[in-house]
């Protein structure tokens, strides 16, 4: 997730998308069985679980891209030739459990979602952030962005 946030930041994504990139897979940490269930053909919707948990402290500018990052993968597979082939093996495997490539009707609906572009930015950062050897700043580097993105108390 540090890799995704680093990529989002380097690509000039809005601060909320950088925070979303940092936190987008939190559902896997909150519910560890989410990650292994994909290999068993079950979708525990880590994106929805994570977005719901994050919504206690962050607004929709952070939580919507988190909630939609799987849909963004399905969308990009449908609209962008070659996108599926560039996915990691794990992303390809999870795609099938997560609903597969979007239909034309789903594409049209997703494209109208006001959060579509933020979700696509997050998805692209996630795709490029899969290199475990990538050099990233420490988590502390993102503290100010996260703090600024918190809901007012």
Foldseek 3Di string as FASTA:
>chain_A
DLQLLQLLVVVPHPLLLSLLLVQLQVLCVVPVVQLVVLVVLAHPQSLVVSLVVCVVWFDCSNNVLSSCLLVLLLLCVQPPPPSLVLADPSNNSSCVSVPHRDDPVSNVVLVPPPCNVSNNSSNVSVRRSPDPPDDGDDPVVSVVSVVVRTDDD
